[in-house]
Amino acid sequence: MRIFKYNFTVNAPLEDVAAFHQDTSALKKLSPRPMIVQLHQVDPMAENSISEFTLWLGPIPIRWRAIHSNISTNGFTDTQEKGPMKYWKHTHSFESIDEEKTRIQEKVEYTHPEGLRSLFTRLLFGRLGLNLLFTYRKLATRRHIGEQK
């Protein structure tokens, strides 16, 4: 199993960061172009809530179903139930640095599938792809939380 970690800070209170990430529209806001997110089922954030969606990379659909757990103001975990990876568990942790600054810690535990399918997932969800994705998410988080103020 591989582990990817990414940390950054946001100039926003912990409560604002948690509310942004727990909003059902967050996935669309955190997905970089040219990736298009088509939502099929997005339950309000709660223990065992479901997010089911398709990530479109041009004409290529990637269907994904995640289950949420360990939900609190300090973060949550989404675990792939169905999707492109053999295993995917993404933990979002939020830590208050002070009243107006929060540290976001992202941890993804993952395993690629076997065979030819792994070529595709290694390209998109290998270390380089995850670095690009989470760098975009850092910038998007900062932009969208700043817009809410």
C-alpha atoms as a PDB file:
ATOM      1  CA  MET A   1       0.000   0.000   0.000  1.00  0.00           C
ATOM      2  CA  ARG A   2       1.180   3.496  -0.834  1.00  0.00           C
ATOM      3  CA  ILE A   3       0.672   6.588   1.291  1.00  0.00           C
ATOM      4  CA  PHE A   4       0.497  10.150  -0.032  1.00  0.00           C
ATOM      5  CA  LYS A   5       0.481  13.158   2.318  1.00  0.00           C
ATOM      6  CA  TYR A   6      -0.123  16.813   1.515  1.00  0.00           C
ATOM      7  CA  ASN A   7      -0.374  19.673   4.035  1.00  0.00           C
ATOM      8  CA  PHE A   8      -1.182  23.358   3.695  1.00  0.00           C
ATOM      9  CA  THR A   9      -2.676  26.250   5.620  1.00  0.00           C
ATOM     10  CA  VAL A  10      -5.720  28.395   4.916  1.00  0.00           C
ATOM     11  CA  ASN A  11      -6.408  31.852   6.320  1.00  0.00           C
ATOM     12  CA  ALA A  12      -9.808  30.876   7.682  1.00  0.00           C
ATOM     13  CA  PRO A  13     -11.198  29.613  10.991  1.00  0.00           C
ATOM     14  CA  LEU A  14     -11.482  25.862  11.525  1.00  0.00           C
ATOM     15  CA  GLU A  15     -15.290  26.011  11.382  1.00  0.00           C
ATOM     16  CA  ASP A  16     -15.225  27.647   7.925  1.00  0.00           C
ATOM     17  CA  VAL A  17     -12.791  25.055   6.586  1.00  0.00           C
ATOM     18  CA  ALA A  18     -14.904  22.183   7.931  1.00  0.00           C
ATOM     19  CA  ALA A  19     -18.125  23.689   6.535  1.00  0.00           C
ATOM     20  CA  PHE A  20     -16.570  24.172   3.094  1.00  0.00           C
ATOM     21  CA  HIS A  21     -15.306  20.595   2.881  1.00  0.00           C
ATOM     22  CA  GLN A  22     -18.539  19.120   4.192  1.00  0.00           C
ATOM     23  CA  ASP A  23     -20.673  21.025   1.665  1.00  0.00           C
ATOM     24  CA  THR A  24     -22.084  18.722  -1.039  1.00  0.00           C
ATOM     25  CA  SER A  25     -20.794  21.083  -3.762  1.00  0.00           C
ATOM     26  CA  ALA A  26     -17.163  20.949  -2.567  1.00  0.00           C
ATOM     27  CA  LEU A  27     -16.106  18.112  -4.882  1.00  0.00           C
ATOM     28  CA  LYS A  28     -16.955  20.159  -7.976  1.00  0.00           C
ATOM     29  CA  LYS A  29     -15.115  23.194  -6.590  1.00  0.00           C
ATOM     30  CA  LEU A  30     -12.032  21.103  -5.791  1.00  0.00           C
ATOM     31  CA  SER A  31     -11.735  19.333  -9.154  1.00  0.00           C
ATOM     32  CA  PRO A  32      -9.352  20.891 -11.689  1.00  0.00           C
ATOM     33  CA  ARG A  33     -10.203  21.501 -15.303  1.00  0.00           C
ATOM     34  CA  PRO A  34     -10.277  19.665 -17.664  1.00  0.00           C
ATOM     35  CA  MET A  35     -11.787  17.237 -15.139  1.00  0.00           C
ATOM     36  CA  ILE A  36     -15.565  17.500 -15.052  1.00  0.00           C
ATOM     37  CA  VAL A  37     -17.485  16.085 -12.102  1.00  0.00           C
ATOM     38  CA  GLN A  38     -20.932  14.632 -12.691  1.00  0.00           C
ATOM     39  CA  LEU A  39     -22.701  14.037  -9.371  1.00  0.00           C
ATOM     40  CA  HIS A  40     -25.100  11.092  -9.164  1.00  0.00           C
ATOM     41  CA  GLN A  41     -25.703  10.866  -5.403  1.00  0.00           C
ATOM     42  CA  VAL A  42     -24.216  13.145  -2.771  1.00  0.00           C
ATOM     43  CA  ASP A  43     -25.697  12.664   0.664  1.00  0.00           C
ATOM     44  CA  PRO A  44     -25.305  15.423   3.251  1.00  0.00           C
ATOM     45  CA  MET A  45     -22.121  14.718   5.192  1.00  0.00           C
ATOM     46  CA  ALA A  46     -22.820  12.195   7.938  1.00  0.00           C
ATOM     47  CA  GLU A  47     -21.478   8.865   9.133  1.00  0.00           C
ATOM     48  CA  ASN A  48     -21.778   6.346   6.248  1.00  0.00           C
ATOM     49  CA  SER A  49     -23.054   8.989   3.817  1.00  0.00           C
ATOM     50  CA  ILE A  50     -22.428   8.281   0.149  1.00  0.00           C
ATOM     51  CA  SER A  51     -20.912  10.299  -2.655  1.00  0.00           C
ATOM     52  CA  GLU A  52     -21.349   8.739  -6.069  1.00  0.00           C
ATOM     53  CA  PHE A  53     -19.994  10.563  -9.089  1.00  0.00           C
ATOM     54  CA  THR A  54     -18.262  10.303 -12.431  1.00  0.00           C
ATOM     55  CA  LEU A  55     -15.014  12.118 -13.118  1.00  0.00           C
ATOM     56  CA  TRP A  56     -14.827  12.912 -16.823  1.00  0.00           C
ATOM     57  CA  LEU A  57     -11.344  13.317 -18.260  1.00  0.00           C
ATOM     58  CA  GLY A  58     -12.313  14.404 -21.738  1.00  0.00           C
ATOM     59  CA  PRO A  59     -14.319  11.474 -23.140  1.00  0.00           C
ATOM     60  CA  ILE A  60     -13.092   9.057 -20.442  1.00  0.00           C
ATOM     61  CA  PRO A  61     -15.510   8.429 -17.543  1.00  0.00           C
ATOM     62  CA  ILE A  62     -14.222   7.318 -14.139  1.00  0.00           C
ATOM     63  CA  ARG A  63     -17.097   6.176 -11.937  1.00  0.00           C
ATOM     64  CA  TRP A  64     -16.527   6.461  -8.191  1.00  0.00           C
ATOM     65  CA  ARG A  65     -18.522   5.670  -5.043  1.00  0.00           C
ATOM     66  CA  ALA A  66     -17.182   6.755  -1.651  1.00  0.00           C
ATOM     67  CA  ILE A  67     -18.429   6.217   1.892  1.00  0.00           C
ATOM     68  CA  HIS A  68     -17.752   8.902   4.528  1.00  0.00           C
ATOM     69  CA  SER A  69     -16.730   8.165   8.108  1.00  0.00           C
ATOM     70  CA  ASN A  70     -15.174   9.771  11.196  1.00  0.00           C
ATOM     71  CA  ILE A  71     -16.954  13.058  10.516  1.00  0.00           C
ATOM     72  CA  SER A  72     -16.185  15.935  12.862  1.00  0.00           C
ATOM     73  CA  THR A  73     -15.177  19.582  12.773  1.00  0.00           C
ATOM     74  CA  ASN A  74     -11.597  18.272  12.647  1.00  0.00           C
ATOM     75  CA  GLY A  75     -12.123  16.371   9.383  1.00  0.00           C
ATOM     76  CA  PHE A  76     -13.472  13.169   7.859  1.00  0.00           C
ATOM     77  CA  THR A  77     -12.496  10.142   5.814  1.00  0.00           C
ATOM     78  CA  ASP A  78     -13.812   9.010   2.456  1.00  0.00           C
ATOM     79  CA  THR A  79     -13.178   5.420   1.437  1.00  0.00           C
ATOM     80  CA  GLN A  80     -13.712   4.157  -2.098  1.00  0.00           C
ATOM     81  CA  GLU A  81     -16.410   1.499  -2.208  1.00  0.00           C
ATOM     82  CA  LYS A  82     -16.346   1.250  -6.010  1.00  0.00           C
ATOM     83  CA  GLY A  83     -13.969   2.946  -8.382  1.00  0.00           C
ATOM     84  CA  PRO A  84     -10.760   2.792 -10.356  1.00  0.00           C
ATOM     85  CA  MET A  85      -8.418   1.930  -7.493  1.00  0.00           C
ATOM     86  CA  LYS A  86      -7.949  -1.426  -5.783  1.00  0.00           C
ATOM     87  CA  TYR A  87      -8.006   0.506  -2.482  1.00  0.00           C
ATOM     88  CA  TRP A  88      -8.416   4.226  -1.683  1.00  0.00           C
ATOM     89  CA  LYS A  89      -8.858   5.826   1.728  1.00  0.00           C
ATOM     90  CA  HIS A  90      -8.601   9.626   1.924  1.00  0.00           C
ATOM     91  CA  THR A  91      -8.445  11.296   5.337  1.00  0.00           C
ATOM     92  CA  HIS A  92      -8.953  15.062   5.567  1.00  0.00           C
ATOM     93  CA  SER A  93      -7.730  16.509   8.885  1.00  0.00           C
ATOM     94  CA  PHE A  94      -8.255  20.103   9.989  1.00  0.00           C
ATOM     95  CA  GLU A  95      -6.278  21.697  12.818  1.00  0.00           C
ATOM     96  CA  SER A  96      -6.780  25.194  14.150  1.00  0.00           C
ATOM     97  CA  ILE A  97      -3.528  27.139  14.258  1.00  0.00           C
ATOM     98  CA  ASP A  98      -5.236  30.258  15.622  1.00  0.00           C
ATOM     99  CA  GLU A  99      -8.640  31.937  15.311  1.00  0.00           C
ATOM    100  CA  GLU A 100      -8.085  32.824  11.635  1.00  0.00           C
ATOM    101  CA  LYS A 101      -5.753  30.105  10.340  1.00  0.00           C
ATOM    102  CA  THR A 102      -6.256  26.365   9.821  1.00  0.00           C
ATOM    103  CA  ARG A 103      -3.876  23.592   8.774  1.00  0.00           C
ATOM    104  CA  ILE A 104      -5.308  21.034   6.352  1.00  0.00           C
ATOM    105  CA  GLN A 105      -3.632  17.653   6.278  1.00  0.00           C
ATOM    106  CA  GLU A 106      -4.515  15.265   3.476  1.00  0.00           C
ATOM    107  CA  LYS A 107      -3.562  11.603   3.690  1.00  0.00           C
ATOM    108  CA  VAL A 108      -4.381   9.102   0.959  1.00  0.00           C
ATOM    109  CA  GLU A 109      -3.726   5.407   1.424  1.00  0.00           C
ATOM    110  CA  TYR A 110      -4.046   3.611  -1.890  1.00  0.00           C
ATOM    111  CA  THR A 111      -3.298   0.541  -3.947  1.00  0.00           C
ATOM    112  CA  HIS A 112      -3.414   0.406  -7.736  1.00  0.00           C
ATOM    113  CA  PRO A 113      -5.344  -2.380  -9.468  1.00  0.00           C
ATOM    114  CA  GLU A 114      -3.566  -5.209 -11.258  1.00  0.00           C
ATOM    115  CA  GLY A 115      -2.958  -5.464 -14.989  1.00  0.00           C
ATOM    116  CA  LEU A 116      -3.418  -2.898 -17.737  1.00  0.00           C
ATOM    117  CA  ARG A 117      -5.881  -0.892 -15.675  1.00  0.00           C
ATOM    118  CA  SER A 118      -3.048   0.044 -13.352  1.00  0.00           C
ATOM    119  CA  LEU A 119      -1.311   1.945 -16.169  1.00  0.00           C
ATOM    120  CA  PHE A 120      -4.241   4.360 -16.248  1.00  0.00           C
ATOM    121  CA  THR A 121      -4.507   4.745 -12.453  1.00  0.00           C
ATOM    122  CA  ARG A 122      -0.743   5.146 -12.053  1.00  0.00           C
ATOM    123  CA  LEU A 123      -0.831   8.027 -14.530  1.00  0.00           C
ATOM    124  CA  LEU A 124      -3.752   9.811 -12.866  1.00  0.00           C
ATOM    125  CA  PHE A 125      -3.309   8.796  -9.234  1.00  0.00           C
ATOM    126  CA  GLY A 126       0.437   8.262  -8.967  1.00  0.00           C
ATOM    127  CA  ARG A 127       2.620  10.615  -6.929  1.00  0.00           C
ATOM    128  CA  LEU A 128       2.870  13.269  -9.683  1.00  0.00           C
ATOM    129  CA  GLY A 129      -0.862  13.205 -10.429  1.00  0.00           C
ATOM    130  CA  LEU A 130      -1.733  13.440  -6.728  1.00  0.00           C
ATOM    131  CA  ASN A 131       0.708  16.331  -6.225  1.00  0.00           C
ATOM    132  CA  LEU A 132      -0.925  18.227  -9.097  1.00  0.00           C
ATOM    133  CA  LEU A 133      -4.442  17.434  -7.849  1.00  0.00           C
ATOM    134  CA  PHE A 134      -3.772  18.496  -4.271  1.00  0.00           C
ATOM    135  CA  THR A 135      -1.892  21.622  -5.295  1.00  0.00           C
ATOM    136  CA  TYR A 136      -4.988  22.621  -7.261  1.00  0.00           C
ATOM    137  CA  ARG A 137      -7.184  21.757  -4.266  1.00  0.00           C
ATOM    138  CA  LYS A 138      -5.043  23.941  -2.004  1.00  0.00           C
ATOM    139  CA  LEU A 139      -5.486  26.916  -4.338  1.00  0.00           C
ATOM    140  CA  ALA A 140      -9.203  26.233  -4.827  1.00  0.00           C
ATOM    141  CA  THR A 141      -9.788  25.926  -1.082  1.00  0.00           C
ATOM    142  CA  ARG A 142      -8.064  29.230  -0.443  1.00  0.00           C
ATOM    143  CA  ARG A 143     -10.013  30.910  -3.258  1.00  0.00           C
ATOM    144  CA  HIS A 144     -13.458  29.594  -2.288  1.00  0.00           C
ATOM    145  CA  ILE A 145     -13.165  30.135   1.437  1.00  0.00           C
ATOM    146  CA  GLY A 146     -11.924  33.644   0.779  1.00  0.00           C
ATOM    147  CA  GLU A 147     -14.995  34.282  -1.399  1.00  0.00           C
ATOM    148  CA  GLN A 148     -17.309  33.215   1.435  1.00  0.00           C
ATOM    149  CA  LYS A 149     -16.056  35.965   3.747  1.00  0.00           C
END
